[in-house]
Amino acid sequence: MRTLNAFSPVSFSRRLFIAGGALALTGIGIRATQANAVIGKAVEITGDVTRKQANHLEGLKAGASLMDHDFLKTGKESFASLELGDDTSLLLGSETELLIDTFIAGQGGVIELGTGQMVFDRPEGLAKIDLTMRTAFGMIGVRGTKFFAGPSRGVFAVFVEHGLVEVSGGGVTRPVGRGEGVEIASAGAAPGEITRWGEARIREAYASVGIR
C-alpha cells in the first residue's frame, strides 16, 4: 500500500505559478501537436485523481488516454502513475497539479508542475529528449533522466538519480547530476549549492510520490 512521508507539500499562489511558467524557453526545437492527440495513458491511479481538458473535468482512471494540454490533479493521499510515449513515466504524489503542455514521444516537450511533487523517469541508454519543466521556483531542463522535483524537508528541491538536469532560477543555472540534489528556498530565488543526498532523504522524496 502506498504511503506518504511526513512533510507537507509546499504551496504557492497561482500568480507565482503563472510567473514561473512565463519564463522564456529556448532550444526546445519541437513542433506543436494537435490538442487532442493521444500522447500517453494513465497506468495506475490511487485515490482521487482528475483530468481537465478545456472545460471538461472528469475522474482519471487507469487505462485512460492522456493528451496535450491535460491538466491533472491528485487529491489528498492520492497518486498517479502516467506513461508518456513508450518509455517515459511520470509519478505524481498527493495534492499535486500538473499540466502537460506539449509532449512528442522521443523528442520532448514542456510540462508545468503547479503544486506537489513528481518523479520523471526515463531509462538510461535511450536517446536523449529535450524536455522543460516549468515551476514557480524556476525551470528544469531535462535531457533524458530520472529525477524528483517537489517539496523536500520544507523547501522546493530537485534530486537526480541518473542523468543530468539544469535547474534555473533567479538568473542562475546549476547542472545537477547523478546522486545530487539542489534546493530553491523561495519562488524567484537562485538554486542553492549542489549537494549529495543521503539515502534517508532520497527515501523520503520517493515516498511522497508513492515509491517505497
N, C-alpha and C. Protein backbone atom coordinates (compact mmCIF):
# COMPACT_ATOMS: atom_id res chain seq x y z
N MET A 1 0.85 -1.19 0.00
CA MET A 1 0.00 0.00 0.00
C MET A 1 0.88 1.24 0.00
N ARG A 2 0.52 2.24 -0.79
CA ARG A 2 1.32 3.44 -0.89
C ARG A 2 1.19 4.26 0.38
N THR A 3 2.27 4.90 0.79
CA THR A 3 2.25 5.72 1.98
C THR A 3 2.84 7.08 1.68
N LEU A 4 2.48 8.06 2.51
CA LEU A 4 3.01 9.40 2.39
C LEU A 4 4.13 9.61 3.39
N ASN A 5 5.08 10.49 3.06
CA ASN A 5 6.09 10.82 4.05
C ASN A 5 5.58 11.94 4.94
N ALA A 6 6.39 12.36 5.89
CA ALA A 6 5.89 13.22 6.95
C ALA A 6 5.76 14.68 6.54
N PHE A 7 6.51 15.17 5.56
CA PHE A 7 6.48 16.59 5.29
C PHE A 7 5.28 16.95 4.47
N SER A 8 4.85 18.22 4.58
CA SER A 8 3.69 18.70 3.84
C SER A 8 4.13 19.35 2.55
N PRO A 9 3.30 19.28 1.49
CA PRO A 9 3.66 19.90 0.22
C PRO A 9 3.84 21.40 0.37
N VAL A 10 4.80 21.96 -0.35
CA VAL A 10 4.97 23.40 -0.41
C VAL A 10 3.86 23.96 -1.29
N SER A 11 3.19 24.99 -0.83
CA SER A 11 2.14 25.60 -1.64
C SER A 11 2.57 27.00 -2.04
N PHE A 12 1.99 27.51 -3.13
CA PHE A 12 2.29 28.85 -3.57
C PHE A 12 1.13 29.36 -4.38
N SER A 13 1.06 30.67 -4.55
CA SER A 13 -0.09 31.28 -5.19
C SER A 13 -0.11 30.99 -6.68
N ARG A 14 -1.31 31.08 -7.24
CA ARG A 14 -1.46 30.88 -8.69
C ARG A 14 -0.67 31.93 -9.44
N ARG A 15 -0.59 33.14 -8.88
CA ARG A 15 0.16 34.20 -9.55
C ARG A 15 1.63 33.82 -9.68
N LEU A 16 2.20 33.23 -8.64
CA LEU A 16 3.59 32.82 -8.71
C LEU A 16 3.77 31.70 -9.72
N PHE A 17 2.82 30.78 -9.76
CA PHE A 17 2.90 29.67 -10.73
C PHE A 17 2.90 30.21 -12.15
N ILE A 18 2.01 31.16 -12.41
CA ILE A 18 1.94 31.73 -13.75
C ILE A 18 3.22 32.47 -14.07
N ALA A 19 3.77 33.19 -13.09
CA ALA A 19 5.01 33.93 -13.32
C ALA A 19 6.14 32.98 -13.66
N GLY A 20 6.21 31.87 -12.92
CA GLY A 20 7.25 30.90 -13.22
C GLY A 20 7.04 30.26 -14.57
N GLY A 21 5.78 30.00 -14.92
CA GLY A 21 5.50 29.37 -16.20
C GLY A 21 5.75 30.30 -17.38
N ALA A 22 5.84 31.61 -17.11
CA ALA A 22 6.04 32.57 -18.19
C ALA A 22 7.49 32.78 -18.54
N LEU A 23 8.39 32.10 -17.84
CA LEU A 23 9.81 32.24 -18.14
C LEU A 23 10.09 31.86 -19.59
N ALA A 24 10.99 32.55 -20.20
CA ALA A 24 11.29 32.32 -21.61
C ALA A 24 11.90 30.94 -21.81
N LEU A 25 11.49 30.28 -22.89
CA LEU A 25 12.03 28.97 -23.22
C LEU A 25 12.92 29.11 -24.45
N THR A 26 14.05 28.42 -24.44
CA THR A 26 14.92 28.42 -25.60
C THR A 26 15.37 27.00 -25.88
N GLY A 27 15.60 26.73 -27.14
CA GLY A 27 16.20 25.45 -27.51
C GLY A 27 15.26 24.27 -27.44
N ILE A 28 13.95 24.49 -27.38
CA ILE A 28 13.05 23.34 -27.33
C ILE A 28 13.04 22.63 -28.68
N GLY A 29 12.85 23.39 -29.75
CA GLY A 29 13.02 22.83 -31.09
C GLY A 29 12.06 21.73 -31.43
N ILE A 30 10.79 21.81 -30.98
CA ILE A 30 9.82 20.78 -31.33
C ILE A 30 8.60 21.45 -31.95
N ARG A 31 7.89 20.71 -32.76
CA ARG A 31 6.71 21.28 -33.38
C ARG A 31 5.50 21.14 -32.46
N ALA A 32 4.52 21.98 -32.63
CA ALA A 32 3.30 21.91 -31.84
C ALA A 32 2.50 20.70 -32.27
N THR A 33 1.78 20.12 -31.33
CA THR A 33 0.93 18.97 -31.63
C THR A 33 -0.53 19.38 -31.53
N GLN A 34 -1.38 18.60 -32.12
CA GLN A 34 -2.79 18.88 -32.03
C GLN A 34 -3.25 18.66 -30.59
N ALA A 35 -4.18 19.51 -30.14
CA ALA A 35 -4.60 19.49 -28.74
C ALA A 35 -5.20 18.15 -28.34
N ASN A 36 -5.82 17.45 -29.27
CA ASN A 36 -6.50 16.21 -28.91
C ASN A 36 -5.71 14.97 -29.32
N ALA A 37 -4.41 15.11 -29.60
CA ALA A 37 -3.60 13.96 -29.96
C ALA A 37 -3.28 13.14 -28.71
N VAL A 38 -3.44 11.82 -28.78
CA VAL A 38 -3.12 10.95 -27.64
C VAL A 38 -1.61 10.85 -27.52
N ILE A 39 -1.09 11.17 -26.33
CA ILE A 39 0.34 11.17 -26.11
C ILE A 39 0.78 10.17 -25.05
N GLY A 40 -0.18 9.53 -24.38
CA GLY A 40 0.17 8.58 -23.32
C GLY A 40 -1.07 8.02 -22.66
N LYS A 41 -0.88 7.46 -21.47
CA LYS A 41 -2.01 6.88 -20.76
C LYS A 41 -1.75 6.87 -19.25
N ALA A 42 -2.82 6.75 -18.50
CA ALA A 42 -2.74 6.56 -17.05
C ALA A 42 -2.52 5.07 -16.78
N VAL A 43 -1.44 4.74 -16.09
CA VAL A 43 -1.11 3.34 -15.83
C VAL A 43 -1.74 2.85 -14.53
N GLU A 44 -1.58 3.64 -13.47
CA GLU A 44 -2.12 3.25 -12.16
C GLU A 44 -2.62 4.49 -11.45
N ILE A 45 -3.82 4.40 -10.89
CA ILE A 45 -4.43 5.51 -10.17
C ILE A 45 -4.81 5.04 -8.77
N THR A 46 -4.40 5.82 -7.77
CA THR A 46 -4.77 5.52 -6.39
C THR A 46 -5.46 6.73 -5.80
N GLY A 47 -6.69 6.57 -5.33
CA GLY A 47 -7.41 7.68 -4.72
C GLY A 47 -8.10 8.55 -5.74
N ASP A 48 -8.16 9.85 -5.44
CA ASP A 48 -8.91 10.82 -6.24
C ASP A 48 -7.97 11.57 -7.17
N VAL A 49 -8.08 11.28 -8.46
CA VAL A 49 -7.26 11.95 -9.47
C VAL A 49 -8.19 12.43 -10.58
N THR A 50 -8.05 13.70 -10.97
CA THR A 50 -8.90 14.26 -12.01
C THR A 50 -8.06 14.75 -13.18
N ARG A 51 -8.73 14.86 -14.32
CA ARG A 51 -8.11 15.40 -15.54
C ARG A 51 -9.07 16.44 -16.12
N LYS A 52 -8.53 17.62 -16.45
CA LYS A 52 -9.33 18.67 -17.07
C LYS A 52 -8.76 18.96 -18.44
N GLN A 53 -9.60 18.90 -19.45
CA GLN A 53 -9.23 19.20 -20.83
C GLN A 53 -10.23 20.24 -21.33
N ALA A 54 -9.73 21.44 -21.65
CA ALA A 54 -10.61 22.55 -21.98
C ALA A 54 -11.53 22.81 -20.79
N ASN A 55 -12.82 22.73 -20.97
CA ASN A 55 -13.74 22.97 -19.86
C ASN A 55 -14.33 21.68 -19.31
N HIS A 56 -13.80 20.55 -19.73
CA HIS A 56 -14.34 19.26 -19.31
C HIS A 56 -13.50 18.66 -18.19
N LEU A 57 -14.12 18.42 -17.04
CA LEU A 57 -13.45 17.84 -15.88
C LEU A 57 -13.99 16.45 -15.64
N GLU A 58 -13.09 15.48 -15.44
CA GLU A 58 -13.52 14.11 -15.19
C GLU A 58 -12.52 13.40 -14.29
N GLY A 59 -12.99 12.33 -13.67
CA GLY A 59 -12.08 11.50 -12.90
C GLY A 59 -11.17 10.72 -13.83
N LEU A 60 -9.90 10.60 -13.46
CA LEU A 60 -8.94 9.87 -14.29
C LEU A 60 -8.84 8.43 -13.80
N LYS A 61 -9.02 7.50 -14.70
CA LYS A 61 -8.97 6.08 -14.37
C LYS A 61 -7.79 5.42 -15.05
N ALA A 62 -7.32 4.31 -14.49
CA ALA A 62 -6.25 3.55 -15.12
C ALA A 62 -6.66 3.13 -16.52
N GLY A 63 -5.76 3.28 -17.47
CA GLY A 63 -6.04 2.94 -18.85
C GLY A 63 -6.53 4.09 -19.70
N ALA A 64 -6.90 5.20 -19.06
CA ALA A 64 -7.39 6.36 -19.81
C ALA A 64 -6.27 7.00 -20.61
N SER A 65 -6.60 7.52 -21.77
CA SER A 65 -5.62 8.18 -22.62
C SER A 65 -5.28 9.57 -22.08
N LEU A 66 -4.06 10.01 -22.35
CA LEU A 66 -3.62 11.36 -22.00
C LEU A 66 -3.38 12.14 -23.28
N MET A 67 -3.63 13.45 -23.22
CA MET A 67 -3.47 14.30 -24.39
C MET A 67 -2.72 15.57 -24.00
N ASP A 68 -2.16 16.24 -25.00
CA ASP A 68 -1.59 17.55 -24.76
C ASP A 68 -2.63 18.46 -24.13
N HIS A 69 -2.17 19.31 -23.23
CA HIS A 69 -3.00 20.29 -22.53
C HIS A 69 -3.89 19.68 -21.46
N ASP A 70 -3.68 18.41 -21.12
CA ASP A 70 -4.37 17.84 -19.97
C ASP A 70 -3.84 18.46 -18.68
N PHE A 71 -4.75 18.90 -17.82
CA PHE A 71 -4.40 19.42 -16.50
C PHE A 71 -4.79 18.35 -15.48
N LEU A 72 -3.80 17.80 -14.79
CA LEU A 72 -4.02 16.68 -13.88
C LEU A 72 -3.89 17.14 -12.43
N LYS A 73 -4.75 16.60 -11.58
CA LYS A 73 -4.73 16.97 -10.17
C LYS A 73 -4.99 15.76 -9.30
N THR A 74 -4.13 15.53 -8.32
CA THR A 74 -4.33 14.43 -7.38
C THR A 74 -4.85 14.99 -6.06
N GLY A 75 -5.73 14.22 -5.41
CA GLY A 75 -6.27 14.63 -4.13
C GLY A 75 -5.38 14.20 -2.98
N LYS A 76 -5.89 14.39 -1.77
CA LYS A 76 -5.16 14.01 -0.58
C LYS A 76 -4.97 12.49 -0.56
N GLU A 77 -3.75 12.06 -0.24
CA GLU A 77 -3.39 10.64 -0.19
C GLU A 77 -3.74 9.93 -1.51
N SER A 78 -3.52 10.62 -2.61
CA SER A 78 -3.79 10.07 -3.93
C SER A 78 -2.53 10.14 -4.79
N PHE A 79 -2.42 9.20 -5.73
CA PHE A 79 -1.22 9.10 -6.56
C PHE A 79 -1.61 8.74 -7.99
N ALA A 80 -0.73 9.08 -8.92
CA ALA A 80 -0.96 8.73 -10.32
C ALA A 80 0.35 8.30 -10.95
N SER A 81 0.32 7.17 -11.66
CA SER A 81 1.44 6.71 -12.46
C SER A 81 1.04 6.86 -13.92
N LEU A 82 1.79 7.66 -14.66
CA LEU A 82 1.45 8.00 -16.03
C LEU A 82 2.56 7.56 -16.97
N GLU A 83 2.19 7.28 -18.20
CA GLU A 83 3.16 6.91 -19.23
C GLU A 83 3.00 7.85 -20.41
N LEU A 84 4.10 8.48 -20.81
CA LEU A 84 4.11 9.34 -21.99
C LEU A 84 4.95 8.66 -23.06
N GLY A 85 4.38 8.48 -24.23
CA GLY A 85 5.07 7.72 -25.25
C GLY A 85 5.25 6.28 -24.79
N ASP A 86 6.32 5.64 -25.24
CA ASP A 86 6.55 4.24 -24.89
C ASP A 86 7.54 4.05 -23.76
N ASP A 87 8.26 5.11 -23.36
CA ASP A 87 9.36 4.89 -22.43
C ASP A 87 9.58 6.00 -21.41
N THR A 88 8.62 6.89 -21.24
CA THR A 88 8.75 7.97 -20.27
C THR A 88 7.61 7.87 -19.26
N SER A 89 7.97 7.89 -17.97
CA SER A 89 6.98 7.76 -16.91
C SER A 89 6.98 8.99 -16.02
N LEU A 90 5.79 9.35 -15.54
CA LEU A 90 5.63 10.41 -14.55
C LEU A 90 4.88 9.83 -13.36
N LEU A 91 5.41 10.03 -12.16
CA LEU A 91 4.75 9.60 -10.94
C LEU A 91 4.36 10.85 -10.16
N LEU A 92 3.07 11.02 -9.91
CA LEU A 92 2.59 12.21 -9.21
C LEU A 92 2.22 11.86 -7.78
N GLY A 93 2.65 12.70 -6.84
CA GLY A 93 2.33 12.49 -5.44
C GLY A 93 1.01 13.10 -5.05
N SER A 94 0.74 13.09 -3.78
CA SER A 94 -0.50 13.61 -3.23
C SER A 94 -0.59 15.13 -3.40
N GLU A 95 -1.81 15.61 -3.68
CA GLU A 95 -2.09 17.04 -3.81
C GLU A 95 -1.11 17.72 -4.77
N THR A 96 -1.04 17.15 -5.95
CA THR A 96 -0.14 17.64 -7.00
C THR A 96 -0.95 18.12 -8.19
N GLU A 97 -0.51 19.21 -8.81
CA GLU A 97 -1.13 19.73 -10.02
C GLU A 97 -0.09 19.75 -11.13
N LEU A 98 -0.44 19.18 -12.27
CA LEU A 98 0.50 19.08 -13.39
C LEU A 98 -0.22 19.37 -14.70
N LEU A 99 0.37 20.23 -15.51
CA LEU A 99 -0.14 20.50 -16.85
C LEU A 99 0.83 19.91 -17.87
N ILE A 100 0.31 19.04 -18.74
CA ILE A 100 1.09 18.56 -19.88
C ILE A 100 0.88 19.56 -21.00
N ASP A 101 1.83 20.45 -21.17
CA ASP A 101 1.68 21.50 -22.18
C ASP A 101 1.79 20.89 -23.57
N THR A 102 2.97 20.33 -23.87
CA THR A 102 3.17 19.61 -25.13
C THR A 102 4.11 18.44 -24.88
N PHE A 103 3.91 17.36 -25.58
CA PHE A 103 4.84 16.23 -25.49
C PHE A 103 4.83 15.47 -26.80
N ILE A 104 6.02 15.20 -27.32
CA ILE A 104 6.19 14.39 -28.52
C ILE A 104 7.11 13.24 -28.16
N ALA A 105 6.63 12.02 -28.31
CA ALA A 105 7.42 10.84 -27.95
C ALA A 105 8.77 10.86 -28.66
N GLY A 106 9.82 10.61 -27.89
CA GLY A 106 11.16 10.55 -28.45
C GLY A 106 11.80 11.90 -28.71
N GLN A 107 11.05 12.98 -28.51
CA GLN A 107 11.60 14.31 -28.75
C GLN A 107 11.60 15.16 -27.48
N GLY A 108 10.45 15.28 -26.82
CA GLY A 108 10.39 16.07 -25.59
C GLY A 108 9.16 16.94 -25.57
N GLY A 109 9.26 18.08 -24.89
CA GLY A 109 8.13 18.97 -24.77
C GLY A 109 8.24 19.84 -23.55
N VAL A 110 7.07 20.25 -23.03
CA VAL A 110 7.00 21.14 -21.88
C VAL A 110 5.92 20.65 -20.93
N ILE A 111 6.24 20.57 -19.64
CA ILE A 111 5.26 20.28 -18.62
C ILE A 111 5.38 21.33 -17.52
N GLU A 112 4.28 21.56 -16.80
CA GLU A 112 4.28 22.55 -15.73
C GLU A 112 3.85 21.88 -14.43
N LEU A 113 4.69 21.98 -13.42
CA LEU A 113 4.37 21.47 -12.09
C LEU A 113 3.85 22.64 -11.26
N GLY A 114 2.56 22.60 -10.91
CA GLY A 114 1.96 23.69 -10.16
C GLY A 114 2.20 23.56 -8.68
N THR A 115 1.68 22.51 -8.07
CA THR A 115 1.91 22.23 -6.66
C THR A 115 2.26 20.75 -6.52
N GLY A 116 2.84 20.39 -5.40
CA GLY A 116 3.12 18.99 -5.13
C GLY A 116 4.46 18.52 -5.63
N GLN A 117 4.54 17.21 -5.88
CA GLN A 117 5.81 16.59 -6.20
C GLN A 117 5.62 15.50 -7.26
N MET A 118 6.71 15.22 -7.98
CA MET A 118 6.64 14.21 -9.03
C MET A 118 8.02 13.62 -9.26
N VAL A 119 8.03 12.44 -9.89
CA VAL A 119 9.25 11.81 -10.36
C VAL A 119 9.12 11.61 -11.86
N PHE A 120 10.11 12.08 -12.59
CA PHE A 120 10.22 11.85 -14.03
C PHE A 120 11.19 10.70 -14.23
N ASP A 121 10.81 9.71 -15.02
CA ASP A 121 11.64 8.51 -15.16
C ASP A 121 11.73 8.11 -16.62
N ARG A 122 12.95 8.14 -17.13
CA ARG A 122 13.23 7.67 -18.48
C ARG A 122 14.49 6.80 -18.39
N PRO A 123 14.42 5.53 -18.77
CA PRO A 123 15.53 4.60 -18.57
C PRO A 123 16.83 5.09 -19.19
N GLU A 124 17.93 4.73 -18.57
CA GLU A 124 19.24 5.04 -19.12
C GLU A 124 19.45 4.30 -20.45
N GLY A 125 20.28 4.85 -21.31
CA GLY A 125 20.62 4.20 -22.56
C GLY A 125 19.76 4.58 -23.74
N LEU A 126 18.65 5.28 -23.48
CA LEU A 126 17.78 5.70 -24.58
C LEU A 126 18.28 7.01 -25.17
N ALA A 127 17.82 7.32 -26.35
CA ALA A 127 18.17 8.59 -26.96
C ALA A 127 17.67 9.74 -26.08
N LYS A 128 18.45 10.78 -25.99
CA LYS A 128 18.08 11.91 -25.14
C LYS A 128 16.93 12.69 -25.75
N ILE A 129 16.09 13.24 -24.87
CA ILE A 129 15.00 14.09 -25.32
C ILE A 129 15.23 15.50 -24.78
N ASP A 130 14.46 16.43 -25.28
CA ASP A 130 14.59 17.83 -24.90
C ASP A 130 13.29 18.26 -24.24
N LEU A 131 13.25 18.19 -22.91
CA LEU A 131 12.03 18.49 -22.17
C LEU A 131 12.32 19.57 -21.14
N THR A 132 11.36 20.47 -20.97
CA THR A 132 11.47 21.51 -19.96
C THR A 132 10.32 21.39 -18.98
N MET A 133 10.64 21.46 -17.68
CA MET A 133 9.62 21.53 -16.64
C MET A 133 9.61 22.95 -16.09
N ARG A 134 8.44 23.58 -16.11
CA ARG A 134 8.29 24.92 -15.56
C ARG A 134 7.64 24.81 -14.19
N THR A 135 8.16 25.58 -13.24
CA THR A 135 7.58 25.66 -11.90
C THR A 135 7.62 27.10 -11.44
N ALA A 136 6.95 27.41 -10.33
CA ALA A 136 7.02 28.75 -9.77
C ALA A 136 8.41 29.07 -9.26
N PHE A 137 9.22 28.05 -9.02
CA PHE A 137 10.54 28.25 -8.46
C PHE A 137 11.62 28.37 -9.54
N GLY A 138 11.29 28.11 -10.77
CA GLY A 138 12.27 28.18 -11.84
C GLY A 138 12.00 27.11 -12.87
N MET A 139 12.99 26.85 -13.70
CA MET A 139 12.84 25.88 -14.77
C MET A 139 13.84 24.75 -14.61
N ILE A 140 13.43 23.57 -15.08
CA ILE A 140 14.29 22.39 -15.06
C ILE A 140 14.42 21.89 -16.49
N GLY A 141 15.63 21.90 -17.01
CA GLY A 141 15.89 21.40 -18.35
C GLY A 141 16.32 19.95 -18.29
N VAL A 142 15.64 19.10 -19.04
CA VAL A 142 15.83 17.65 -18.95
C VAL A 142 16.35 17.12 -20.27
N ARG A 143 17.30 16.21 -20.21
CA ARG A 143 17.83 15.58 -21.42
C ARG A 143 17.74 14.06 -21.33
N GLY A 144 16.70 13.55 -20.68
CA GLY A 144 16.54 12.11 -20.56
C GLY A 144 17.20 11.62 -19.30
N THR A 145 16.42 11.35 -18.27
CA THR A 145 17.00 11.08 -16.95
C THR A 145 15.91 10.59 -16.01
N LYS A 146 16.28 10.40 -14.74
CA LYS A 146 15.31 10.13 -13.69
C LYS A 146 15.57 11.11 -12.56
N PHE A 147 14.53 11.88 -12.22
CA PHE A 147 14.72 12.86 -11.16
C PHE A 147 13.42 13.10 -10.40
N PHE A 148 13.58 13.62 -9.19
CA PHE A 148 12.47 14.05 -8.33
C PHE A 148 12.44 15.56 -8.29
N ALA A 149 11.23 16.13 -8.28
CA ALA A 149 11.06 17.57 -8.10
C ALA A 149 9.86 17.81 -7.21
N GLY A 150 10.03 18.68 -6.20
CA GLY A 150 8.94 18.98 -5.30
C GLY A 150 9.44 19.32 -3.92
N PRO A 151 8.52 19.44 -2.96
CA PRO A 151 8.92 19.78 -1.60
C PRO A 151 9.70 18.66 -0.93
N SER A 152 10.77 19.02 -0.28
CA SER A 152 11.59 18.07 0.47
C SER A 152 12.16 18.79 1.68
N ARG A 153 11.75 18.37 2.86
CA ARG A 153 12.23 18.96 4.12
C ARG A 153 12.03 20.47 4.15
N GLY A 154 10.83 20.89 3.71
CA GLY A 154 10.43 22.27 3.85
C GLY A 154 10.81 23.22 2.74
N VAL A 155 11.50 22.74 1.71
CA VAL A 155 11.88 23.60 0.59
C VAL A 155 11.61 22.87 -0.72
N PHE A 156 11.56 23.63 -1.80
CA PHE A 156 11.46 23.01 -3.12
C PHE A 156 12.83 22.47 -3.49
N ALA A 157 12.88 21.23 -3.97
CA ALA A 157 14.17 20.60 -4.26
C ALA A 157 14.08 19.73 -5.50
N VAL A 158 15.24 19.49 -6.07
CA VAL A 158 15.37 18.58 -7.21
C VAL A 158 16.48 17.59 -6.89
N PHE A 159 16.20 16.31 -7.09
CA PHE A 159 17.20 15.26 -6.89
C PHE A 159 17.28 14.43 -8.16
N VAL A 160 18.50 14.15 -8.61
CA VAL A 160 18.72 13.38 -9.83
C VAL A 160 19.26 12.00 -9.47
N GLU A 161 18.54 10.95 -9.86
CA GLU A 161 19.03 9.58 -9.63
C GLU A 161 20.05 9.20 -10.69
N HIS A 162 19.71 9.49 -11.95
CA HIS A 162 20.69 9.29 -13.02
C HIS A 162 20.43 10.29 -14.13
N GLY A 163 21.48 10.61 -14.89
CA GLY A 163 21.36 11.59 -15.95
C GLY A 163 21.80 12.96 -15.48
N LEU A 164 21.27 13.99 -16.12
CA LEU A 164 21.65 15.37 -15.82
C LEU A 164 20.48 16.29 -16.10
N VAL A 165 20.21 17.21 -15.18
CA VAL A 165 19.22 18.26 -15.40
C VAL A 165 19.88 19.61 -15.12
N GLU A 166 19.32 20.65 -15.70
CA GLU A 166 19.77 22.01 -15.42
C GLU A 166 18.65 22.74 -14.72
N VAL A 167 18.93 23.20 -13.48
CA VAL A 167 17.93 23.89 -12.67
C VAL A 167 18.23 25.39 -12.71
N SER A 168 17.24 26.17 -13.17
CA SER A 168 17.45 27.61 -13.35
C SER A 168 16.46 28.40 -12.53
N GLY A 169 16.95 29.48 -11.91
CA GLY A 169 16.10 30.38 -11.15
C GLY A 169 16.92 31.58 -10.69
N GLY A 170 16.28 32.74 -10.60
CA GLY A 170 16.98 33.93 -10.13
C GLY A 170 18.20 34.29 -10.93
N GLY A 171 18.20 33.96 -12.22
CA GLY A 171 19.32 34.29 -13.08
C GLY A 171 20.50 33.35 -12.96
N VAL A 172 20.34 32.25 -12.23
CA VAL A 172 21.42 31.28 -12.03
C VAL A 172 20.98 29.92 -12.55
N THR A 173 21.86 29.21 -13.23
CA THR A 173 21.60 27.85 -13.71
C THR A 173 22.66 26.92 -13.13
N ARG A 174 22.20 25.81 -12.54
CA ARG A 174 23.12 24.84 -11.97
C ARG A 174 22.86 23.46 -12.59
N PRO A 175 23.90 22.80 -13.08
CA PRO A 175 23.75 21.43 -13.56
C PRO A 175 23.75 20.47 -12.37
N VAL A 176 22.78 19.58 -12.34
CA VAL A 176 22.65 18.61 -11.25
C VAL A 176 22.77 17.21 -11.83
N GLY A 177 23.73 16.44 -11.35
CA GLY A 177 24.00 15.13 -11.91
C GLY A 177 23.63 13.99 -10.99
N ARG A 178 24.06 12.82 -11.33
CA ARG A 178 23.72 11.58 -10.64
C ARG A 178 24.00 11.67 -9.13
N GLY A 179 22.98 11.36 -8.34
CA GLY A 179 23.13 11.34 -6.88
C GLY A 179 23.14 12.70 -6.22
N GLU A 180 22.92 13.76 -7.00
CA GLU A 180 23.00 15.11 -6.46
C GLU A 180 21.61 15.75 -6.33
N GLY A 181 21.54 16.73 -5.43
CA GLY A 181 20.31 17.47 -5.25
C GLY A 181 20.59 18.95 -5.09
N VAL A 182 19.55 19.76 -5.30
CA VAL A 182 19.69 21.20 -5.13
C VAL A 182 18.37 21.73 -4.60
N GLU A 183 18.44 22.80 -3.79
CA GLU A 183 17.25 23.40 -3.19
C GLU A 183 17.06 24.82 -3.72
N ILE A 184 15.78 25.23 -3.80
CA ILE A 184 15.43 26.62 -4.09
C ILE A 184 14.56 27.09 -2.93
N ALA A 185 15.05 28.07 -2.19
CA ALA A 185 14.42 28.45 -0.92
C ALA A 185 13.06 29.10 -1.12
N SER A 186 12.88 29.85 -2.20
CA SER A 186 11.61 30.54 -2.43
C SER A 186 11.46 30.82 -3.91
N ALA A 187 10.24 31.10 -4.32
CA ALA A 187 9.98 31.39 -5.73
C ALA A 187 10.79 32.60 -6.17
N GLY A 188 11.49 32.45 -7.28
CA GLY A 188 12.31 33.53 -7.80
C GLY A 188 13.73 33.55 -7.30
N ALA A 189 14.03 32.74 -6.29
CA ALA A 189 15.39 32.69 -5.75
C ALA A 189 16.27 31.81 -6.62
N ALA A 190 17.58 32.01 -6.50
CA ALA A 190 18.53 31.18 -7.23
C ALA A 190 18.65 29.82 -6.55
N PRO A 191 18.90 28.76 -7.30
CA PRO A 191 19.13 27.46 -6.67
C PRO A 191 20.39 27.52 -5.81
N GLY A 192 20.37 26.79 -4.70
CA GLY A 192 21.49 26.78 -3.78
C GLY A 192 22.63 25.92 -4.28
N GLU A 193 23.54 25.63 -3.37
CA GLU A 193 24.68 24.80 -3.73
C GLU A 193 24.24 23.35 -3.95
N ILE A 194 24.89 22.69 -4.88
CA ILE A 194 24.60 21.29 -5.16
C ILE A 194 25.20 20.42 -4.06
N THR A 195 24.43 19.45 -3.59
CA THR A 195 24.89 18.56 -2.54
C THR A 195 24.60 17.11 -2.91
N ARG A 196 25.29 16.19 -2.25
CA ARG A 196 24.97 14.77 -2.38
C ARG A 196 23.87 14.43 -1.39
N TRP A 197 22.83 13.77 -1.87
CA TRP A 197 21.73 13.40 -0.99
C TRP A 197 22.01 12.05 -0.34
N GLY A 198 21.66 11.95 0.93
CA GLY A 198 21.78 10.69 1.63
C GLY A 198 20.59 9.78 1.38
N GLU A 199 20.73 8.53 1.75
CA GLU A 199 19.70 7.54 1.48
C GLU A 199 18.37 7.89 2.15
N ALA A 200 18.42 8.44 3.36
CA ALA A 200 17.19 8.75 4.08
C ALA A 200 16.38 9.82 3.35
N ARG A 201 17.05 10.86 2.87
CA ARG A 201 16.31 11.92 2.19
C ARG A 201 15.77 11.44 0.85
N ILE A 202 16.52 10.60 0.16
CA ILE A 202 16.03 10.04 -1.10
C ILE A 202 14.78 9.21 -0.86
N ARG A 203 14.79 8.40 0.17
CA ARG A 203 13.61 7.58 0.50
C ARG A 203 12.41 8.47 0.80
N GLU A 204 12.61 9.55 1.56
CA GLU A 204 11.52 10.47 1.88
C GLU A 204 10.91 11.07 0.61
N ALA A 205 11.79 11.52 -0.29
CA ALA A 205 11.31 12.14 -1.52
C ALA A 205 10.50 11.15 -2.35
N TYR A 206 11.02 9.96 -2.52
CA TYR A 206 10.32 8.96 -3.33
C TYR A 206 9.02 8.49 -2.66
N ALA A 207 9.02 8.43 -1.34
CA ALA A 207 7.79 8.04 -0.63
C ALA A 207 6.67 9.03 -0.90
N SER A 208 7.02 10.30 -1.14
CA SER A 208 5.99 11.31 -1.36
C SER A 208 5.26 11.14 -2.69
N VAL A 209 5.81 10.31 -3.58
CA VAL A 209 5.11 10.00 -4.83
C VAL A 209 4.65 8.54 -4.84
N GLY A 210 4.70 7.90 -3.68
CA GLY A 210 4.20 6.53 -3.57
C GLY A 210 5.20 5.44 -3.83
N ILE A 211 6.51 5.79 -3.94
CA ILE A 211 7.54 4.79 -4.16
C ILE A 211 8.14 4.40 -2.82
N ARG A 212 8.13 3.13 -2.49
CA ARG A 212 8.72 2.68 -1.24
C ARG A 212 10.18 2.34 -1.43
